[in-house]
Each structure stands twice: as structure tokens, then as C-alpha cells.
Amino acid sequence: SNTGEGYVMVKYTGNNPKVKLQIQTPDGNKYTYLL
């Protein structure tokens, strides 16, 4: 909803203990986070 503000929000509702979020940017860089 607020990508124009420079951020995105993500929620994981499953039960897997190891979940990653990867964000690939327009310049091809890949950022990886733990959720």
C-alpha cells in the first residue's frame, strides 16, 4: 500500500521455523532477510 513511501510490509503466518524473504531490486541486487 505504501511503496511510494519507500517500504513494503510482509507477514508470514505459517509454522515453518525457517522462512526467508528475498527482495530483488530494479538494479538486479538481491537482499535476503529472515521473516
All heavy atoms as atom14 arrays in JSON, in Angstrom:
{
  "sequence": "SNTGEGYVMVKYTGNNPKVKLQIQTPDGNKYTYLL",
  "atom14_mask": [
    [1, 1, 1, 1, 1, 1, 0, 0, 0, 0, 0, 0, 0, 0],
    [1, 1, 1, 1, 1, 1, 1, 1, 0, 0, 0, 0, 0, 0],
    [1, 1, 1, 1, 1, 1, 1, 0, 0, 0, 0, 0, 0, 0],
    [1, 1, 1, 1, 0, 0, 0, 0, 0, 0, 0, 0, 0, 0],
    [1, 1, 1, 1, 1, 1, 1, 1, 1, 0, 0, 0, 0, 0],
    [1, 1, 1, 1, 0, 0, 0, 0, 0, 0, 0, 0, 0, 0],
    [1, 1, 1, 1, 1, 1, 1, 1, 1, 1, 1, 1, 0, 0],
    [1, 1, 1, 1, 1, 1, 1, 0, 0, 0, 0, 0, 0, 0],
    [1, 1, 1, 1, 1, 1, 1, 1, 0, 0, 0, 0, 0, 0],
    [1, 1, 1, 1, 1, 1, 1, 0, 0, 0, 0, 0, 0, 0],
    [1, 1, 1, 1, 1, 1, 1, 1, 1, 0, 0, 0, 0, 0],
    [1, 1, 1, 1, 1, 1, 1, 1, 1, 1, 1, 1, 0, 0],
    [1, 1, 1, 1, 1, 1, 1, 0, 0, 0, 0, 0, 0, 0],
    [1, 1, 1, 1, 0, 0, 0, 0, 0, 0, 0, 0, 0, 0],
    [1, 1, 1, 1, 1, 1, 1, 1, 0, 0, 0, 0, 0, 0],
    [1, 1, 1, 1, 1, 1, 1, 1, 0, 0, 0, 0, 0, 0],
    [1, 1, 1, 1, 1, 1, 1, 0, 0, 0, 0, 0, 0, 0],
    [1, 1, 1, 1, 1, 1, 1, 1, 1, 0, 0, 0, 0, 0],
    [1, 1, 1, 1, 1, 1, 1, 0, 0, 0, 0, 0, 0, 0],
    [1, 1, 1, 1, 1, 1, 1, 1, 1, 0, 0, 0, 0, 0],
    [1, 1, 1, 1, 1, 1, 1, 1, 0, 0, 0, 0, 0, 0],
    [1, 1, 1, 1, 1, 1, 1, 1, 1, 0, 0, 0, 0, 0],
    [1, 1, 1, 1, 1, 1, 1, 1, 0, 0, 0, 0, 0, 0],
    [1, 1, 1, 1, 1, 1, 1, 1, 1, 0, 0, 0, 0, 0],
    [1, 1, 1, 1, 1, 1, 1, 0, 0, 0, 0, 0, 0, 0],
    [1, 1, 1, 1, 1, 1, 1, 0, 0, 0, 0, 0, 0, 0],
    [1, 1, 1, 1, 1, 1, 1, 1, 0, 0, 0, 0, 0, 0],
    [1, 1, 1, 1, 0, 0, 0, 0, 0, 0, 0, 0, 0, 0],
    [1, 1, 1, 1, 1, 1, 1, 1, 0, 0, 0, 0, 0, 0],
    [1, 1, 1, 1, 1, 1, 1, 1, 1, 0, 0, 0, 0, 0],
    [1, 1, 1, 1, 1, 1, 1, 1, 1, 1, 1, 1, 0, 0],
    [1, 1, 1, 1, 1, 1, 1, 0, 0, 0, 0, 0, 0, 0],
    [1, 1, 1, 1, 1, 1, 1, 1, 1, 1, 1, 1, 0, 0],
    [1, 1, 1, 1, 1, 1, 1, 1, 0, 0, 0, 0, 0, 0],
    [1, 1, 1, 1, 1, 1, 1, 1, 0, 0, 0, 0, 0, 0]
  ],
  "atom14_positions": [
    [[0.81, -1.22, 0.0], [0.0, 0.0, 0.0], [0.84, 1.26, 0.0], [0.41, 2.31, -0.49], [-0.93, 0.01, 1.22], [-1.73, -1.14, 1.27], [0.0, 0.0, 0.0], [0.0, 0.0, 0.0], [0.0, 0.0, 0.0], [0.0, 0.0, 0.0], [0.0, 0.0, 0.0], [0.0, 0.0, 0.0], [0.0, 0.0, 0.0], [0.0, 0.0, 0.0]],
    [[2.04, 1.19, 0.58], [2.85, 2.4, 0.77], [4.24, 2.31, 0.15], [5.2, 2.86, 0.68], [2.96, 2.7, 2.27], [1.61, 3.0, 2.89], [0.94, 3.95, 2.51], [1.19, 2.17, 3.84], [0.0, 0.0, 0.0], [0.0, 0.0, 0.0], [0.0, 0.0, 0.0], [0.0, 0.0, 0.0], [0.0, 0.0, 0.0], [0.0, 0.0, 0.0]],
    [[4.3, 1.68, -1.0], [5.59, 1.61, -1.68], [6.08, 3.0, -2.09], [7.28, 3.23, -2.21], [5.52, 0.7, -2.91], [4.49, 1.18, -3.8], [5.23, -0.74, -2.52], [0.0, 0.0, 0.0], [0.0, 0.0, 0.0], [0.0, 0.0, 0.0], [0.0, 0.0, 0.0], [0.0, 0.0, 0.0], [0.0, 0.0, 0.0], [0.0, 0.0, 0.0]],
    [[5.15, 3.94, -2.26], [5.53, 5.31, -2.57], [6.28, 5.98, -1.44], [6.97, 6.98, -1.64], [0.0, 0.0, 0.0], [0.0, 0.0, 0.0], [0.0, 0.0, 0.0], [0.0, 0.0, 0.0], [0.0, 0.0, 0.0], [0.0, 0.0, 0.0], [0.0, 0.0, 0.0], [0.0, 0.0, 0.0], [0.0, 0.0, 0.0], [0.0, 0.0, 0.0]],
    [[6.16, 5.41, -0.24], [6.89, 5.91, 0.93], [8.25, 5.23, 1.07], [9.02, 5.54, 1.99], [6.08, 5.67, 2.19], [4.79, 6.45, 2.25], [5.04, 7.95, 2.33], [5.63, 8.41, 3.31], [4.63, 8.66, 1.38], [0.0, 0.0, 0.0], [0.0, 0.0, 0.0], [0.0, 0.0, 0.0], [0.0, 0.0, 0.0], [0.0, 0.0, 0.0]],
    [[8.53, 4.27, 0.18], [9.86, 3.65, 0.19], [9.97, 2.37, 0.99], [11.08, 1.95, 1.32], [0.0, 0.0, 0.0], [0.0, 0.0, 0.0], [0.0, 0.0, 0.0], [0.0, 0.0, 0.0], [0.0, 0.0, 0.0], [0.0, 0.0, 0.0], [0.0, 0.0, 0.0], [0.0, 0.0, 0.0], [0.0, 0.0, 0.0], [0.0, 0.0, 0.0]],
    [[8.83, 1.72, 1.28], [8.91, 0.47, 2.02], [7.77, -0.47, 1.62], [6.77, -0.06, 1.02], [8.86, 0.71, 3.53], [7.54, 1.24, 4.05], [6.5, 0.37, 4.4], [7.33, 2.6, 4.21], [5.29, 0.86, 4.88], [6.12, 3.1, 4.69], [5.1, 2.22, 5.03], [3.9, 2.7, 5.49], [0.0, 0.0, 0.0], [0.0, 0.0, 0.0]],
    [[7.94, -1.74, 1.95], [6.91, -2.75, 1.77], [6.83, -3.56, 3.06], [7.82, -3.64, 3.81], [7.23, -3.66, 0.56], [8.5, -4.47, 0.82], [6.06, -4.57, 0.22], [0.0, 0.0, 0.0], [0.0, 0.0, 0.0], [0.0, 0.0, 0.0], [0.0, 0.0, 0.0], [0.0, 0.0, 0.0], [0.0, 0.0, 0.0], [0.0, 0.0, 0.0]],
    [[5.65, -4.12, 3.36], [5.48, -4.88, 4.59], [5.09, -6.32, 4.26], [4.29, -6.57, 3.35], [4.45, -4.23, 5.5], [4.81, -2.79, 5.85], [3.76, -2.05, 7.13], [4.45, -2.81, 8.6], [0.0, 0.0, 0.0], [0.0, 0.0, 0.0], [0.0, 0.0, 0.0], [0.0, 0.0, 0.0], [0.0, 0.0, 0.0], [0.0, 0.0, 0.0]],
    [[5.68, -7.27, 5.0], [5.47, -8.69, 4.73], [5.19, -9.42, 6.04], [5.83, -9.16, 7.05], [6.69, -9.32, 4.03], [6.45, -10.79, 3.74], [7.02, -8.56, 2.73], [0.0, 0.0, 0.0], [0.0, 0.0, 0.0], [0.0, 0.0, 0.0], [0.0, 0.0, 0.0], [0.0, 0.0, 0.0], [0.0, 0.0, 0.0], [0.0, 0.0, 0.0]],
    [[4.23, -10.37, 5.99], [3.89, -11.19, 7.15], [3.8, -12.65, 6.74], [3.17, -12.99, 5.74], [2.56, -10.73, 7.76], [2.06, -11.59, 8.9], [0.86, -10.98, 9.59], [-0.35, -10.91, 8.68], [-1.57, -10.43, 9.4], [0.0, 0.0, 0.0], [0.0, 0.0, 0.0], [0.0, 0.0, 0.0], [0.0, 0.0, 0.0], [0.0, 0.0, 0.0]],
    [[4.42, -13.51, 7.53], [4.33, -14.96, 7.31], [3.46, -15.55, 8.41], [3.67, -15.3, 9.6], [5.72, -15.59, 7.35], [5.71, -17.1, 7.24], [5.41, -17.71, 6.02], [5.96, -17.9, 8.35], [5.38, -19.1, 5.92], [5.94, -19.28, 8.26], [5.64, -19.88, 7.04], [5.61, -21.25, 6.94], [0.0, 0.0, 0.0], [0.0, 0.0, 0.0]],
    [[2.44, -16.35, 8.04], [1.5, -16.89, 9.02], [1.57, -18.41, 9.13], [0.74, -19.02, 9.81], [0.06, -16.47, 8.67], [-0.25, -16.9, 7.33], [-0.09, -14.96, 8.77], [0.0, 0.0, 0.0], [0.0, 0.0, 0.0], [0.0, 0.0, 0.0], [0.0, 0.0, 0.0], [0.0, 0.0, 0.0], [0.0, 0.0, 0.0], [0.0, 0.0, 0.0]],
    [[2.54, -19.02, 8.47], [2.69, -20.47, 8.56], [3.48, -20.88, 9.79], [3.76, -20.07, 10.68], [0.0, 0.0, 0.0], [0.0, 0.0, 0.0], [0.0, 0.0, 0.0], [0.0, 0.0, 0.0], [0.0, 0.0, 0.0], [0.0, 0.0, 0.0], [0.0, 0.0, 0.0], [0.0, 0.0, 0.0], [0.0, 0.0, 0.0], [0.0, 0.0, 0.0]],
    [[3.87, -22.15, 9.84], [4.56, -22.7, 11.01], [5.98, -23.17, 10.7], [6.62, -23.74, 11.57], [3.75, -23.87, 11.57], [2.39, -23.44, 12.09], [2.27, -22.44, 12.79], [1.35, -24.18, 11.71], [0.0, 0.0, 0.0], [0.0, 0.0, 0.0], [0.0, 0.0, 0.0], [0.0, 0.0, 0.0], [0.0, 0.0, 0.0], [0.0, 0.0, 0.0]],
    [[6.45, -22.92, 9.49], [7.82, -23.31, 9.16], [8.8, -22.45, 9.96], [8.68, -21.22, 9.96], [8.07, -23.12, 7.66], [9.35, -23.78, 7.19], [10.42, -23.48, 7.69], [9.23, -24.67, 6.22], [0.0, 0.0, 0.0], [0.0, 0.0, 0.0], [0.0, 0.0, 0.0], [0.0, 0.0, 0.0], [0.0, 0.0, 0.0], [0.0, 0.0, 0.0]],
    [[9.75, -23.04, 10.67], [10.64, -22.26, 11.54], [11.73, -21.47, 10.82], [12.37, -20.61, 11.42], [11.27, -23.32, 12.45], [11.24, -24.56, 11.62], [9.99, -24.49, 10.8], [0.0, 0.0, 0.0], [0.0, 0.0, 0.0], [0.0, 0.0, 0.0], [0.0, 0.0, 0.0], [0.0, 0.0, 0.0], [0.0, 0.0, 0.0], [0.0, 0.0, 0.0]],
    [[11.94, -21.76, 9.53], [12.98, -21.05, 8.78], [12.39, -20.53, 7.47], [12.2, -21.28, 6.52], [14.17, -21.98, 8.49], [14.91, -22.44, 9.73], [16.09, -23.32, 9.34], [16.85, -23.8, 10.57], [17.99, -24.67, 10.2], [0.0, 0.0, 0.0], [0.0, 0.0, 0.0], [0.0, 0.0, 0.0], [0.0, 0.0, 0.0], [0.0, 0.0, 0.0]],
    [[12.11, -19.23, 7.45], [11.49, -18.61, 6.29], [12.28, -17.37, 5.89], [12.62, -16.55, 6.74], [10.03, -18.21, 6.58], [9.36, -17.63, 5.34], [9.25, -19.42, 7.08], [0.0, 0.0, 0.0], [0.0, 0.0, 0.0], [0.0, 0.0, 0.0], [0.0, 0.0, 0.0], [0.0, 0.0, 0.0], [0.0, 0.0, 0.0], [0.0, 0.0, 0.0]],
    [[12.57, -17.26, 4.61], [13.35, -16.14, 4.11], [12.54, -15.3, 3.14], [11.7, -15.8, 2.4], [14.6, -16.65, 3.37], [15.59, -17.41, 4.24], [16.76, -17.9, 3.41], [17.74, -18.69, 4.25], [18.88, -19.19, 3.43], [0.0, 0.0, 0.0], [0.0, 0.0, 0.0], [0.0, 0.0, 0.0], [0.0, 0.0, 0.0], [0.0, 0.0, 0.0]],
    [[12.83, -14.0, 3.16], [12.3, -13.07, 2.17], [13.46, -12.57, 1.32], [14.46, -12.1, 1.87], [11.62, -11.88, 2.84], [11.3, -10.69, 1.93], [10.23, -11.06, 0.9], [10.87, -9.48, 2.75], [0.0, 0.0, 0.0], [0.0, 0.0, 0.0], [0.0, 0.0, 0.0], [0.0, 0.0, 0.0], [0.0, 0.0, 0.0], [0.0, 0.0, 0.0]],
    [[13.32, -12.67, 0.02], [14.32, -12.1, -0.88], [13.66, -10.97, -1.68], [12.57, -11.13, -2.22], [14.87, -13.14, -1.85], [15.94, -12.58, -2.78], [16.37, -13.6, -3.83], [15.79, -13.68, -4.9], [17.36, -14.4, -3.49], [0.0, 0.0, 0.0], [0.0, 0.0, 0.0], [0.0, 0.0, 0.0], [0.0, 0.0, 0.0], [0.0, 0.0, 0.0]],
    [[14.32, -9.82, -1.7], [13.84, -8.68, -2.49], [14.88, -8.39, -3.56], [16.03, -8.02, -3.26], [13.62, -7.44, -1.62], [12.56, -7.72, -0.54], [13.2, -6.25, -2.49], [12.29, -6.55, 0.38], [0.0, 0.0, 0.0], [0.0, 0.0, 0.0], [0.0, 0.0, 0.0], [0.0, 0.0, 0.0], [0.0, 0.0, 0.0], [0.0, 0.0, 0.0]],
    [[14.48, -8.59, -4.82], [15.37, -8.24, -5.94], [15.01, -6.84, -6.39], [13.86, -6.53, -6.7], [15.22, -9.22, -7.09], [16.14, -8.88, -8.27], [16.2, -9.98, -9.3], [16.4, -11.13, -8.98], [15.99, -9.61, -10.57], [0.0, 0.0, 0.0], [0.0, 0.0, 0.0], [0.0, 0.0, 0.0], [0.0, 0.0, 0.0], [0.0, 0.0, 0.0]],
    [[16.0, -5.94, -6.42], [15.79, -4.54, -6.73], [15.84, -4.3, -8.24], [16.27, -5.17, -9.0], [16.84, -3.68, -6.03], [18.14, -4.02, -6.56], [16.83, -3.92, -4.53], [0.0, 0.0, 0.0], [0.0, 0.0, 0.0], [0.0, 0.0, 0.0], [0.0, 0.0, 0.0], [0.0, 0.0, 0.0], [0.0, 0.0, 0.0], [0.0, 0.0, 0.0]],
    [[15.41, -3.12, -8.7], [15.45, -2.83, -10.14], [16.84, -2.92, -10.75], [16.97, -3.17, -11.95], [14.91, -1.39, -10.21], [14.05, -1.25, -9.01], [14.72, -2.04, -7.94], [0.0, 0.0, 0.0], [0.0, 0.0, 0.0], [0.0, 0.0, 0.0], [0.0, 0.0, 0.0], [0.0, 0.0, 0.0], [0.0, 0.0, 0.0], [0.0, 0.0, 0.0]],
    [[17.89, -2.72, -9.94], [19.25, -2.82, -10.47], [19.81, -4.23, -10.38], [20.98, -4.46, -10.65], [20.19, -1.83, -9.76], [20.19, -2.01, -8.25], [19.61, -3.0, -7.76], [20.77, -1.15, -7.56], [0.0, 0.0, 0.0], [0.0, 0.0, 0.0], [0.0, 0.0, 0.0], [0.0, 0.0, 0.0], [0.0, 0.0, 0.0], [0.0, 0.0, 0.0]],
    [[18.96, -5.2, -10.0], [19.37, -6.6, -10.0], [19.99, -7.1, -8.71], [20.31, -8.29, -8.61], [0.0, 0.0, 0.0], [0.0, 0.0, 0.0], [0.0, 0.0, 0.0], [0.0, 0.0, 0.0], [0.0, 0.0, 0.0], [0.0, 0.0, 0.0], [0.0, 0.0, 0.0], [0.0, 0.0, 0.0], [0.0, 0.0, 0.0], [0.0, 0.0, 0.0]],
    [[20.14, -6.23, -7.73], [20.7, -6.67, -6.45], [19.66, -7.48, -5.68], [18.46, -7.24, -5.8], [21.13, -5.45, -5.63], [22.29, -5.76, -4.71], [22.76, -6.9, -4.64], [22.76, -4.76, -4.0], [0.0, 0.0, 0.0], [0.0, 0.0, 0.0], [0.0, 0.0, 0.0], [0.0, 0.0, 0.0], [0.0, 0.0, 0.0], [0.0, 0.0, 0.0]],
    [[20.11, -8.44, -4.88], [19.2, -9.3, -4.12], [19.47, -9.17, -2.63], [20.56, -9.45, -2.16], [19.35, -10.76, -4.56], [18.94, -10.99, -6.02], [19.16, -12.44, -6.42], [18.76, -12.67, -7.88], [18.99, -14.07, -8.3], [0.0, 0.0, 0.0], [0.0, 0.0, 0.0], [0.0, 0.0, 0.0], [0.0, 0.0, 0.0], [0.0, 0.0, 0.0]],
    [[18.45, -8.74, -1.89], [18.51, -8.6, -0.44], [17.76, -9.77, 0.18], [16.62, -10.05, -0.2], [17.84, -7.31, 0.01], [18.57, -6.04, -0.37], [18.66, -5.6, -1.7], [19.15, -5.24, 0.61], [19.32, -4.43, -2.04], [19.8, -4.06, 0.28], [19.89, -3.67, -1.04], [20.54, -2.5, -1.37], [0.0, 0.0, 0.0], [0.0, 0.0, 0.0]],
    [[18.36, -10.43, 1.16], [17.72, -11.57, 1.8], [17.58, -11.34, 3.3], [18.52, -10.94, 3.97], [18.51, -12.86, 1.54], [18.67, -13.05, 0.13], [17.79, -14.06, 2.13], [0.0, 0.0, 0.0], [0.0, 0.0, 0.0], [0.0, 0.0, 0.0], [0.0, 0.0, 0.0], [0.0, 0.0, 0.0], [0.0, 0.0, 0.0], [0.0, 0.0, 0.0]],
    [[16.37, -11.58, 3.81], [16.05, -11.4, 5.23], [15.43, -12.68, 5.78], [14.86, -13.48, 5.03], [15.03, -10.27, 5.41], [15.39, -8.94, 4.8], [15.06, -8.65, 3.47], [16.02, -7.95, 5.55], [15.37, -7.41, 2.91], [16.32, -6.71, 5.01], [15.99, -6.45, 3.69], [16.3, -5.23, 3.13], [0.0, 0.0, 0.0], [0.0, 0.0, 0.0]],
    [[15.47, -12.85, 7.11], [14.69, -13.88, 7.78], [13.38, -13.26, 8.23], [13.36, -12.15, 8.78], [15.44, -14.43, 8.99], [16.75, -15.19, 8.7], [17.29, -15.78, 9.99], [16.54, -16.28, 7.66], [0.0, 0.0, 0.0], [0.0, 0.0, 0.0], [0.0, 0.0, 0.0], [0.0, 0.0, 0.0], [0.0, 0.0, 0.0], [0.0, 0.0, 0.0]],
    [[12.27, -13.96, 8.02], [10.97, -13.46, 8.46], [10.66, -13.92, 9.87], [11.03, -15.01, 10.29], [9.87, -13.92, 7.5], [9.83, -13.23, 6.14], [8.71, -13.81, 5.29], [9.65, -11.72, 6.28], [0.0, 0.0, 0.0], [0.0, 0.0, 0.0], [0.0, 0.0, 0.0], [0.0, 0.0, 0.0], [0.0, 0.0, 0.0], [0.0, 0.0, 0.0]]
  ]
}
